[in-house]
N, C-alpha and C. Protein backbone atom coordinates (compact mmCIF):
# COMPACT_ATOMS: atom_id res chain seq x y z
N MET A 1 -28.07 -72.07 73.89
CA MET A 1 -29.41 -71.26 74.00
C MET A 1 -29.37 -70.31 75.25
N SER A 2 -29.66 -69.37 75.35
CA SER A 2 -29.38 -68.53 76.11
C SER A 2 -31.04 -67.72 76.45
N ASN A 3 -31.24 -67.37 77.45
CA ASN A 3 -32.07 -66.67 78.12
C ASN A 3 -31.78 -65.37 78.64
N ALA A 4 -30.72 -64.50 78.57
CA ALA A 4 -30.55 -63.22 78.62
C ALA A 4 -30.23 -62.24 77.54
N PRO A 5 -30.42 -61.00 78.15
CA PRO A 5 -30.45 -60.10 77.00
C PRO A 5 -29.10 -59.64 76.46
N ASP A 6 -29.04 -59.50 75.54
CA ASP A 6 -27.66 -59.23 74.69
C ASP A 6 -27.20 -57.84 75.12
N THR A 7 -26.10 -57.78 75.79
CA THR A 7 -25.47 -56.32 76.50
C THR A 7 -24.55 -56.30 75.55
N ARG A 8 -23.85 -57.10 74.63
CA ARG A 8 -22.66 -56.43 73.80
C ARG A 8 -22.69 -55.32 73.36
N GLY A 9 -21.60 -54.43 73.65
CA GLY A 9 -21.86 -53.13 72.73
C GLY A 9 -22.06 -51.94 74.19
N SER A 10 -22.35 -52.53 75.34
CA SER A 10 -22.74 -51.48 76.51
C SER A 10 -21.39 -51.34 77.16
N GLU A 11 -20.63 -52.11 77.01
CA GLU A 11 -19.34 -51.89 77.91
C GLU A 11 -18.50 -50.81 77.99
N GLY A 12 -18.35 -50.23 79.41
CA GLY A 12 -17.66 -48.71 79.17
C GLY A 12 -18.50 -47.41 78.93
N LEU A 13 -19.42 -47.69 78.54
CA LEU A 13 -20.13 -46.36 78.14
C LEU A 13 -20.60 -45.73 79.24
N HIS A 14 -20.79 -44.18 79.54
CA HIS A 14 -21.60 -43.41 80.74
C HIS A 14 -21.74 -42.14 79.79
N PRO A 15 -22.38 -41.18 80.33
CA PRO A 15 -22.74 -39.73 79.74
C PRO A 15 -21.24 -39.12 79.12
N ASP A 16 -20.31 -39.30 79.69
CA ASP A 16 -19.27 -38.65 79.30
C ASP A 16 -18.20 -39.49 78.61
N HIS A 17 -18.46 -40.35 78.20
CA HIS A 17 -17.65 -41.36 77.04
C HIS A 17 -17.99 -40.32 75.62
N ASP A 18 -16.88 -40.62 74.81
CA ASP A 18 -16.46 -39.96 73.61
C ASP A 18 -17.99 -40.46 72.61
N ASP A 19 -17.99 -41.57 72.75
CA ASP A 19 -19.09 -42.14 71.59
C ASP A 19 -20.74 -41.34 72.19
N VAL A 20 -20.84 -41.37 73.36
CA VAL A 20 -22.09 -40.69 73.92
C VAL A 20 -22.19 -39.10 73.59
N ARG A 21 -20.66 -38.43 73.80
CA ARG A 21 -20.69 -37.02 73.34
C ARG A 21 -21.08 -37.06 71.48
N GLU A 22 -20.43 -37.72 70.90
CA GLU A 22 -20.85 -37.67 69.31
C GLU A 22 -22.12 -37.78 69.28
N PHE A 23 -22.85 -38.48 69.48
CA PHE A 23 -24.33 -39.01 69.67
C PHE A 23 -25.12 -37.86 69.81
N ARG A 24 -24.71 -36.89 70.93
CA ARG A 24 -25.22 -35.90 71.45
C ARG A 24 -25.21 -34.53 70.74
N SER A 25 -23.67 -34.70 69.98
CA SER A 25 -23.49 -33.71 68.95
C SER A 25 -24.20 -33.69 67.49
N ARG A 26 -24.18 -35.31 67.21
CA ARG A 26 -24.95 -35.90 66.10
C ARG A 26 -26.15 -35.39 66.05
N TRP A 27 -27.00 -35.45 67.22
CA TRP A 27 -28.57 -35.08 67.23
C TRP A 27 -28.85 -33.52 67.98
N ALA A 28 -27.84 -32.99 67.66
CA ALA A 28 -27.70 -31.41 68.10
C ALA A 28 -28.63 -31.49 69.83
N LEU A 29 -28.11 -32.27 70.64
CA LEU A 29 -28.74 -32.33 71.92
C LEU A 29 -27.94 -31.14 72.73
N GLY A 30 -26.80 -31.00 72.37
CA GLY A 30 -25.68 -30.21 73.01
C GLY A 30 -26.06 -30.47 74.83
N ASP A 31 -26.06 -29.66 75.66
CA ASP A 31 -25.91 -29.99 77.17
C ASP A 31 -27.55 -30.06 77.44
N ALA A 32 -28.77 -30.48 76.75
CA ALA A 32 -29.85 -30.53 77.35
C ALA A 32 -29.94 -31.78 78.15
N PRO A 33 -31.04 -31.40 78.91
CA PRO A 33 -31.12 -32.55 79.94
C PRO A 33 -32.50 -33.45 78.84
N CYS A 34 -32.28 -34.82 78.43
CA CYS A 34 -32.77 -35.60 77.91
C CYS A 34 -33.54 -36.67 78.22
N ILE A 35 -35.00 -37.32 77.61
CA ILE A 35 -35.22 -38.11 78.30
C ILE A 35 -35.93 -39.46 77.08
N ALA A 36 -35.16 -40.70 77.24
CA ALA A 36 -35.60 -41.68 76.15
C ALA A 36 -36.49 -42.40 75.84
N PHE A 37 -37.08 -42.65 75.06
CA PHE A 37 -38.26 -43.77 74.53
C PHE A 37 -37.56 -44.48 73.73
N LEU A 38 -37.73 -45.96 74.00
CA LEU A 38 -37.10 -46.88 73.57
C LEU A 38 -38.11 -48.09 72.93
N GLY A 39 -37.99 -48.35 71.43
CA GLY A 39 -38.91 -49.54 71.39
C GLY A 39 -39.57 -49.48 69.74
N SER A 40 -40.31 -50.43 69.49
CA SER A 40 -41.17 -50.14 68.18
C SER A 40 -42.36 -49.57 68.33
N TRP A 41 -42.52 -48.36 67.67
CA TRP A 41 -43.90 -47.83 67.90
C TRP A 41 -44.66 -48.07 66.88
N TYR A 42 -45.83 -48.20 67.45
CA TYR A 42 -47.24 -48.77 66.91
C TYR A 42 -48.28 -48.45 68.03
N ARG A 43 -49.62 -48.27 67.30
CA ARG A 43 -50.63 -47.31 67.98
C ARG A 43 -50.81 -48.26 69.38
N ASP A 44 -50.74 -49.31 70.10
CA ASP A 44 -50.89 -49.66 71.26
C ASP A 44 -49.51 -49.25 71.96
N LYS A 45 -48.63 -48.44 71.50
CA LYS A 45 -47.61 -48.29 72.68
C LYS A 45 -47.92 -46.65 73.23
N ARG A 46 -49.03 -45.93 72.62
CA ARG A 46 -49.44 -44.65 72.91
C ARG A 46 -48.09 -43.67 72.63
N ARG A 47 -48.01 -43.67 71.49
CA ARG A 47 -46.68 -42.59 70.73
C ARG A 47 -47.61 -41.30 70.95
N GLU A 48 -48.38 -40.82 71.24
CA GLU A 48 -49.06 -39.77 71.72
C GLU A 48 -48.62 -39.08 72.82
N TRP A 49 -48.36 -39.98 73.94
CA TRP A 49 -47.95 -39.67 75.06
C TRP A 49 -46.49 -39.09 75.23
N ILE A 50 -45.78 -39.54 74.21
CA ILE A 50 -44.49 -38.94 74.35
C ILE A 50 -44.78 -37.41 73.99
N ILE A 51 -45.30 -36.79 73.36
CA ILE A 51 -46.00 -35.26 72.79
C ILE A 51 -46.14 -35.03 74.11
N LEU A 52 -46.97 -35.60 75.16
CA LEU A 52 -47.80 -34.54 75.83
C LEU A 52 -47.07 -34.68 77.02
N ILE A 53 -46.09 -35.98 77.59
CA ILE A 53 -44.69 -35.75 78.18
C ILE A 53 -44.06 -34.57 78.08
N GLY A 54 -43.63 -35.00 76.66
CA GLY A 54 -42.41 -33.70 76.48
C GLY A 54 -42.99 -32.40 76.80
N GLU A 55 -44.27 -32.04 76.40
CA GLU A 55 -44.74 -30.68 76.32
C GLU A 55 -44.87 -30.28 78.22
N GLN A 56 -45.43 -31.21 78.83
CA GLN A 56 -45.35 -30.79 80.35
C GLN A 56 -44.11 -30.63 80.58
N ILE A 57 -42.69 -31.44 80.23
CA ILE A 57 -41.39 -31.60 80.88
C ILE A 57 -41.23 -30.07 80.43
N ARG A 58 -41.58 -29.61 79.18
CA ARG A 58 -40.88 -28.35 78.66
C ARG A 58 -41.57 -27.52 79.15
N ARG A 59 -42.41 -27.22 79.68
CA ARG A 59 -43.14 -26.20 80.78
C ARG A 59 -42.29 -25.75 81.96
N GLU A 60 -41.60 -26.64 82.29
CA GLU A 60 -40.73 -26.52 83.76
C GLU A 60 -39.58 -26.33 83.54
N LEU A 61 -38.72 -27.00 82.06
CA LEU A 61 -37.47 -27.18 81.89
C LEU A 61 -37.56 -26.98 80.22
N PRO A 62 -37.61 -25.89 79.17
CA PRO A 62 -37.36 -25.65 78.19
C PRO A 62 -36.53 -25.71 77.35
N GLU A 63 -35.42 -26.27 77.85
CA GLU A 63 -34.13 -26.58 76.89
C GLU A 63 -34.40 -28.24 76.94
N ALA A 64 -35.21 -28.64 77.74
CA ALA A 64 -35.29 -30.23 77.68
C ALA A 64 -35.55 -30.99 76.30
N ARG A 65 -34.96 -32.14 75.78
CA ARG A 65 -35.22 -32.55 74.80
C ARG A 65 -35.93 -34.41 74.77
N ILE A 66 -36.62 -34.52 73.85
CA ILE A 66 -37.23 -36.12 73.89
C ILE A 66 -36.22 -36.61 73.02
N VAL A 67 -35.76 -38.00 73.25
CA VAL A 67 -35.18 -38.64 72.38
C VAL A 67 -36.01 -40.06 71.80
N VAL A 68 -36.36 -39.99 70.45
CA VAL A 68 -37.07 -41.49 70.79
C VAL A 68 -36.39 -42.31 69.95
N VAL A 69 -35.80 -43.41 70.18
CA VAL A 69 -35.37 -44.33 69.53
C VAL A 69 -36.19 -45.75 69.22
N GLY A 70 -36.17 -46.02 67.77
CA GLY A 70 -37.42 -47.12 67.14
C GLY A 70 -37.58 -46.88 65.92
N GLY A 71 -38.52 -47.63 65.53
CA GLY A 71 -39.06 -47.48 64.51
C GLY A 71 -40.70 -47.77 64.50
N GLY A 72 -41.07 -47.92 63.27
CA GLY A 72 -42.25 -48.61 63.26
C GLY A 72 -43.37 -47.42 62.61
N ASP A 73 -44.97 -48.11 62.26
CA ASP A 73 -45.80 -47.07 61.37
C ASP A 73 -46.37 -45.94 62.60
N GLY A 74 -46.05 -46.33 63.69
CA GLY A 74 -46.73 -45.03 64.83
C GLY A 74 -45.72 -44.28 64.99
N LEU A 75 -44.65 -43.98 64.17
CA LEU A 75 -43.99 -42.85 64.03
C LEU A 75 -44.45 -41.50 63.61
N ALA A 76 -45.54 -41.82 62.49
CA ALA A 76 -45.73 -40.97 61.36
C ALA A 76 -46.69 -39.47 62.39
N ILE A 77 -47.27 -40.14 63.46
CA ILE A 77 -47.79 -38.98 64.23
C ILE A 77 -47.26 -37.87 65.00
N LEU A 78 -45.49 -38.36 65.27
CA LEU A 78 -44.50 -37.63 65.81
C LEU A 78 -43.57 -37.18 64.57
N ARG A 79 -43.94 -37.68 63.58
CA ARG A 79 -43.23 -36.99 62.52
C ARG A 79 -44.06 -35.51 62.01
N ALA A 80 -45.31 -36.16 62.04
CA ALA A 80 -45.95 -34.88 61.88
C ALA A 80 -46.14 -33.91 62.97
N ALA A 81 -46.09 -33.76 63.90
CA ALA A 81 -45.93 -33.00 64.98
C ALA A 81 -44.62 -32.19 64.97
N ALA A 82 -43.53 -32.63 63.83
CA ALA A 82 -42.68 -31.88 63.79
C ALA A 82 -42.04 -30.92 65.24
N LEU A 83 -42.00 -31.23 66.07
CA LEU A 83 -41.34 -30.76 67.01
C LEU A 83 -39.79 -30.21 66.96
N PRO A 84 -39.63 -29.16 67.39
CA PRO A 84 -38.05 -29.29 67.52
C PRO A 84 -37.31 -29.61 68.36
N TRP A 85 -37.83 -30.05 69.38
CA TRP A 85 -37.28 -30.91 70.85
C TRP A 85 -37.73 -32.67 70.59
N LEU A 86 -37.89 -32.56 69.81
CA LEU A 86 -38.55 -33.97 69.51
C LEU A 86 -37.17 -34.61 68.39
N VAL A 87 -36.74 -35.89 69.20
CA VAL A 87 -35.71 -36.17 68.27
C VAL A 87 -36.07 -37.73 67.98
N LEU A 88 -36.15 -38.11 66.63
CA LEU A 88 -36.55 -39.42 66.10
C LEU A 88 -35.57 -39.83 65.32
N THR A 89 -34.71 -40.78 66.27
CA THR A 89 -33.49 -41.38 65.69
C THR A 89 -33.58 -42.53 64.65
N GLY A 90 -34.75 -43.08 64.69
CA GLY A 90 -35.18 -44.23 63.93
C GLY A 90 -34.47 -45.51 64.97
N PRO A 91 -34.58 -46.55 63.86
CA PRO A 91 -34.26 -48.11 64.84
C PRO A 91 -32.28 -47.83 65.30
N LEU A 92 -32.03 -47.95 65.99
CA LEU A 92 -30.73 -48.10 66.87
C LEU A 92 -30.26 -49.63 67.72
N HIS A 93 -29.59 -50.17 66.83
CA HIS A 93 -29.48 -51.73 67.66
C HIS A 93 -28.12 -51.96 67.99
N GLY A 94 -27.66 -52.95 68.67
CA GLY A 94 -26.43 -52.86 69.48
C GLY A 94 -25.77 -51.78 70.14
N ARG A 95 -24.48 -51.80 69.90
CA ARG A 95 -23.92 -50.63 70.56
C ARG A 95 -24.52 -49.05 70.46
N ASP A 96 -25.15 -48.84 68.81
CA ASP A 96 -25.75 -47.68 68.89
C ASP A 96 -26.54 -47.19 69.83
N LYS A 97 -27.39 -48.38 70.13
CA LYS A 97 -28.47 -48.34 70.97
C LYS A 97 -28.19 -47.98 72.18
N PHE A 98 -27.07 -48.57 72.79
CA PHE A 98 -26.78 -48.75 74.10
C PHE A 98 -26.00 -47.25 74.17
N VAL A 99 -25.28 -46.67 73.09
CA VAL A 99 -25.01 -45.12 73.32
C VAL A 99 -25.74 -44.38 73.22
N ALA A 100 -27.00 -44.40 72.68
CA ALA A 100 -28.27 -43.33 72.74
C ALA A 100 -28.83 -43.08 74.36
N LEU A 101 -28.43 -43.99 75.09
CA LEU A 101 -29.16 -44.34 76.13
C LEU A 101 -28.52 -43.56 77.69
N PRO A 102 -27.33 -43.29 77.86
CA PRO A 102 -26.63 -42.68 78.45
C PRO A 102 -26.72 -41.33 78.42
N ALA A 103 -26.92 -41.07 77.06
CA ALA A 103 -27.02 -39.90 76.69
C ALA A 103 -28.29 -39.06 77.10
N CYS A 104 -29.03 -39.75 77.97
CA CYS A 104 -30.23 -39.34 78.59
C CYS A 104 -30.41 -39.58 80.11
N ARG A 105 -31.27 -39.04 80.74
CA ARG A 105 -31.41 -39.20 81.84
C ARG A 105 -32.21 -40.15 82.56
N CYS A 106 -33.32 -40.63 81.67
CA CYS A 106 -34.03 -41.83 82.45
C CYS A 106 -34.96 -42.02 81.25
N LEU A 107 -35.30 -43.54 81.21
CA LEU A 107 -36.17 -44.14 80.05
C LEU A 107 -37.64 -43.95 80.59
N CYS A 108 -38.63 -43.73 79.48
CA CYS A 108 -39.80 -43.58 79.79
C CYS A 108 -40.63 -44.51 78.98
N VAL A 109 -41.48 -45.31 79.62
CA VAL A 109 -41.88 -46.61 79.22
C VAL A 109 -43.63 -45.48 78.73
N THR A 110 -44.40 -45.75 77.64
CA THR A 110 -45.48 -45.54 77.15
C THR A 110 -46.43 -46.35 77.43
N GLY A 111 -45.90 -47.87 76.90
CA GLY A 111 -46.82 -49.04 76.80
C GLY A 111 -46.57 -49.69 77.68
N VAL A 112 -46.55 -51.13 77.19
CA VAL A 112 -46.15 -52.21 78.10
C VAL A 112 -44.49 -52.25 78.42
N ALA A 113 -43.79 -52.59 79.44
CA ALA A 113 -42.41 -52.73 79.72
C ALA A 113 -42.12 -53.92 78.92
N GLY A 114 -41.11 -53.68 78.59
CA GLY A 114 -40.69 -54.88 77.59
C GLY A 114 -38.95 -54.98 77.84
N LEU A 115 -37.99 -55.48 76.61
CA LEU A 115 -36.80 -55.66 76.77
C LEU A 115 -36.06 -54.30 76.88
N ASN A 116 -36.76 -53.35 76.42
CA ASN A 116 -36.16 -51.61 76.81
C ASN A 116 -36.14 -51.53 78.17
N VAL A 117 -36.48 -51.80 78.71
CA VAL A 117 -36.47 -52.02 80.39
C VAL A 117 -35.07 -52.44 81.01
N LEU A 118 -34.90 -53.78 80.40
CA LEU A 118 -33.29 -54.41 80.55
C LEU A 118 -32.46 -53.51 79.90
N ASP A 119 -32.37 -52.83 78.66
CA ASP A 119 -31.77 -52.35 78.12
C ASP A 119 -30.93 -50.96 78.92
N ALA A 120 -32.24 -50.48 79.44
CA ALA A 120 -32.09 -49.40 80.44
C ALA A 120 -31.24 -49.53 81.77
N MET A 121 -31.53 -50.88 82.24
CA MET A 121 -30.94 -51.19 83.57
C MET A 121 -29.54 -51.42 83.14
N THR A 122 -29.31 -51.97 81.93
CA THR A 122 -28.03 -52.33 81.68
C THR A 122 -27.23 -51.33 81.72
N MET A 123 -27.50 -50.05 81.34
CA MET A 123 -26.91 -48.76 81.26
C MET A 123 -26.79 -47.89 82.54
N GLY A 124 -27.66 -48.28 83.55
CA GLY A 124 -27.87 -47.80 85.14
C GLY A 124 -29.03 -46.56 84.80
N LEU A 125 -29.50 -46.71 83.92
CA LEU A 125 -30.59 -45.40 83.39
C LEU A 125 -32.03 -45.89 84.42
N PRO A 126 -32.51 -45.15 85.12
CA PRO A 126 -34.12 -45.13 85.94
C PRO A 126 -35.08 -45.15 84.94
N VAL A 127 -36.05 -46.25 85.00
CA VAL A 127 -37.10 -46.29 84.54
C VAL A 127 -38.40 -45.74 85.05
N VAL A 128 -39.55 -45.14 83.62
CA VAL A 128 -40.74 -44.48 83.97
C VAL A 128 -41.82 -45.41 83.58
N LEU A 129 -42.54 -45.84 84.57
CA LEU A 129 -43.76 -46.56 83.59
C LEU A 129 -45.02 -46.54 84.24
N PRO A 130 -46.10 -46.22 82.98
CA PRO A 130 -47.39 -46.08 83.48
C PRO A 130 -47.87 -47.11 84.13
N ARG A 131 -48.98 -46.66 84.99
CA ARG A 131 -49.57 -47.40 85.63
C ARG A 131 -50.34 -48.65 84.88
N ARG A 132 -50.02 -49.65 84.98
CA ARG A 132 -51.25 -50.82 84.44
C ARG A 132 -50.67 -51.95 84.89
N THR A 133 -51.37 -53.06 84.87
CA THR A 133 -51.25 -54.49 85.30
C THR A 133 -51.09 -55.63 84.40
N ASP A 134 -50.49 -54.96 83.43
CA ASP A 134 -50.22 -56.30 81.86
C ASP A 134 -48.55 -56.00 81.64
N HIS A 135 -47.80 -55.57 82.45
CA HIS A 135 -46.47 -55.27 81.65
C HIS A 135 -46.28 -56.62 81.69
N SER A 136 -44.96 -56.96 80.87
CA SER A 136 -44.33 -57.97 80.79
C SER A 136 -43.44 -58.01 81.90
N PRO A 137 -42.93 -59.25 81.86
CA PRO A 137 -42.36 -59.89 83.10
C PRO A 137 -41.21 -59.04 83.19
N GLU A 138 -40.63 -58.31 82.51
CA GLU A 138 -39.25 -57.42 83.08
C GLU A 138 -39.88 -56.24 83.75
N ALA A 139 -41.28 -55.87 84.30
CA ALA A 139 -41.42 -55.00 84.92
C ALA A 139 -41.20 -55.19 86.38
N ILE A 140 -40.94 -56.52 86.61
CA ILE A 140 -40.77 -56.82 87.91
C ILE A 140 -39.49 -56.32 88.62
N TYR A 141 -38.53 -56.40 87.23
CA TYR A 141 -36.86 -55.69 88.15
C TYR A 141 -37.22 -54.46 88.24
N ILE A 142 -38.21 -53.93 88.13
CA ILE A 142 -38.27 -52.44 88.05
C ILE A 142 -39.06 -52.30 89.51
N THR A 143 -39.71 -52.62 89.91
CA THR A 143 -40.65 -52.79 90.96
C THR A 143 -39.70 -53.32 91.86
N THR A 144 -38.68 -54.58 91.80
CA THR A 144 -38.42 -54.96 93.18
C THR A 144 -36.70 -54.32 93.45
N MET A 145 -36.64 -53.54 92.63
CA MET A 145 -34.97 -52.50 92.50
C MET A 145 -35.43 -51.00 92.88
N SER A 146 -36.71 -51.23 92.99
CA SER A 146 -37.17 -49.65 93.51
C SER A 146 -36.34 -48.80 92.49
N THR A 147 -36.66 -48.76 90.79
CA THR A 147 -36.16 -47.94 90.10
C THR A 147 -37.03 -47.11 89.48
N VAL A 148 -38.32 -47.07 89.78
CA VAL A 148 -39.26 -46.35 89.28
C VAL A 148 -40.07 -45.57 90.44
N VAL A 149 -40.18 -44.68 90.16
CA VAL A 149 -41.09 -43.65 91.14
C VAL A 149 -41.92 -42.84 90.45
N GLY A 150 -42.04 -42.63 88.89
CA GLY A 150 -42.96 -42.07 88.34
C GLY A 150 -42.68 -40.65 88.04
N SER A 151 -43.71 -39.67 87.98
CA SER A 151 -43.40 -38.28 87.73
C SER A 151 -42.51 -37.56 88.61
N MET A 152 -42.48 -37.92 89.64
CA MET A 152 -41.42 -37.39 90.61
C MET A 152 -39.95 -37.68 90.02
N MET A 153 -39.45 -38.85 89.92
CA MET A 153 -38.51 -39.65 89.37
C MET A 153 -37.76 -38.25 87.93
N ILE A 154 -38.90 -38.32 87.02
CA ILE A 154 -38.90 -37.50 86.00
C ILE A 154 -38.13 -36.15 86.72
N GLN A 155 -38.83 -35.69 87.75
CA GLN A 155 -38.65 -33.93 88.18
C GLN A 155 -37.24 -34.35 88.71
N GLN A 156 -36.94 -34.94 89.70
CA GLN A 156 -35.39 -35.37 89.88
C GLN A 156 -34.47 -35.56 89.06
N ARG A 157 -34.67 -36.53 88.22
CA ARG A 157 -33.67 -36.82 87.12
C ARG A 157 -33.33 -35.86 86.28
N LEU A 158 -34.41 -34.67 85.63
CA LEU A 158 -34.21 -33.64 85.35
C LEU A 158 -33.83 -32.28 85.84
N ARG A 159 -33.71 -32.29 87.70
CA ARG A 159 -33.83 -31.46 88.21
C ARG A 159 -34.74 -30.05 88.15
N LEU A 160 -35.84 -30.59 88.15
CA LEU A 160 -37.01 -29.79 88.37
C LEU A 160 -37.46 -29.66 89.33
N PRO A 161 -38.29 -28.65 89.80
CA PRO A 161 -38.86 -27.85 90.78
C PRO A 161 -40.10 -29.10 91.19
N ALA A 162 -40.56 -29.34 92.15
CA ALA A 162 -41.69 -30.16 92.28
C ALA A 162 -42.86 -29.43 91.90
N SER A 163 -43.71 -30.42 90.63
CA SER A 163 -44.80 -29.59 89.98
C SER A 163 -46.12 -30.50 89.88
N PRO A 164 -47.09 -30.03 90.26
CA PRO A 164 -48.09 -31.14 90.34
C PRO A 164 -48.45 -30.67 88.31
N SER A 165 -48.12 -30.17 87.88
CA SER A 165 -48.52 -30.23 86.13
C SER A 165 -47.62 -31.56 85.43
N LEU A 166 -46.43 -31.95 86.25
CA LEU A 166 -45.92 -32.93 85.44
C LEU A 166 -46.61 -34.29 86.12
N GLN A 167 -47.45 -35.09 85.09
CA GLN A 167 -47.97 -36.11 85.50
C GLN A 167 -47.95 -37.13 84.29
N MET A 168 -47.84 -38.38 85.25
CA MET A 168 -47.58 -39.50 83.84
C MET A 168 -49.14 -39.84 83.62
N PRO A 169 -49.51 -40.02 82.17
CA PRO A 169 -50.76 -40.43 81.84
C PRO A 169 -51.16 -41.58 82.58
N ARG A 170 -52.72 -41.50 82.93
CA ARG A 170 -53.02 -43.29 83.45
C ARG A 170 -53.56 -43.66 82.15
N TRP A 171 -53.03 -45.12 82.42
CA TRP A 171 -53.65 -45.99 81.35
C TRP A 171 -55.26 -46.24 81.68
N PRO A 172 -55.98 -46.29 80.44
CA PRO A 172 -57.13 -46.59 81.25
C PRO A 172 -57.23 -48.09 81.42
N ARG A 173 -58.34 -48.56 82.45
CA ARG A 173 -58.75 -49.46 83.01
C ARG A 173 -59.62 -50.24 82.22
N SER A 174 -59.02 -51.32 82.00
CA SER A 174 -60.60 -52.40 81.18
C SER A 174 -60.07 -54.00 81.74
N SER A 175 -60.64 -54.78 81.21
CA SER A 175 -60.52 -56.33 81.62
C SER A 175 -59.46 -56.49 81.37
N ALA A 176 -58.94 -56.20 80.18
CA ALA A 176 -57.62 -56.95 79.80
C ALA A 176 -56.18 -56.27 80.60
N ASN A 177 -55.90 -55.35 81.43
CA ASN A 177 -55.33 -55.24 82.15
C ASN A 177 -55.47 -54.94 83.41
N ARG A 178 -56.48 -55.95 84.03
CA ARG A 178 -56.65 -55.86 85.59
C ARG A 178 -56.15 -57.15 86.09
N ARG A 179 -54.85 -57.76 85.16
CA ARG A 179 -54.48 -58.95 86.04
C ARG A 179 -53.04 -58.29 86.57
N GLY A 180 -52.67 -59.07 87.37
CA GLY A 180 -51.36 -58.91 88.06
C GLY A 180 -51.55 -58.10 89.28
N PRO A 181 -50.18 -57.87 89.73
CA PRO A 181 -49.90 -56.55 90.83
C PRO A 181 -50.00 -55.26 90.69
N PRO A 182 -50.69 -54.29 91.19
CA PRO A 182 -50.69 -52.87 91.10
C PRO A 182 -49.07 -52.44 90.55
N GLN A 183 -49.29 -51.60 89.59
CA GLN A 183 -47.65 -51.02 89.23
C GLN A 183 -48.08 -49.90 89.80
N PRO A 184 -46.33 -49.36 90.17
CA PRO A 184 -46.06 -47.98 90.74
C PRO A 184 -46.36 -47.16 89.64
N HIS A 185 -45.84 -45.84 89.98
CA HIS A 185 -46.52 -44.62 89.05
C HIS A 185 -44.91 -43.95 89.47
């Protein structure tokens, strides 16, 4: 029995790897800066934030693309939006998932941090988390390794000028998410 994430398939991948270039070509990403969202997309994942974050980024960087990896019934709202800059790959597993990540400049999490954080860390990808206190234990790796600094990190990774218009949405406070240490933005 093992308690380690399965990183088989991630070996040797980087943004200029042939497989990553082929992924960018298949999804018509060109040289556009991309942000990844990775997970199973259900209502509690705040998938509407993907559109909000994408719109904010594109105001400053019109060529940016948002790459959504994963499945779930929550994708309906993203499909219905039919935005040309929103790329919905569907579920990707193993090497295919690891190929998608280095095609992007960071991973953005809209809900609770989970194994997607470890996948991003495996590929050396910075992670942006919403402020909330009920993240899964994987979030501790982000805070202790100083990988996340919120909206400013997105701006730096996409090489955007500092802008108050780009803000990570704030998670609503409730008794259900007041446990644990405060999370960075």
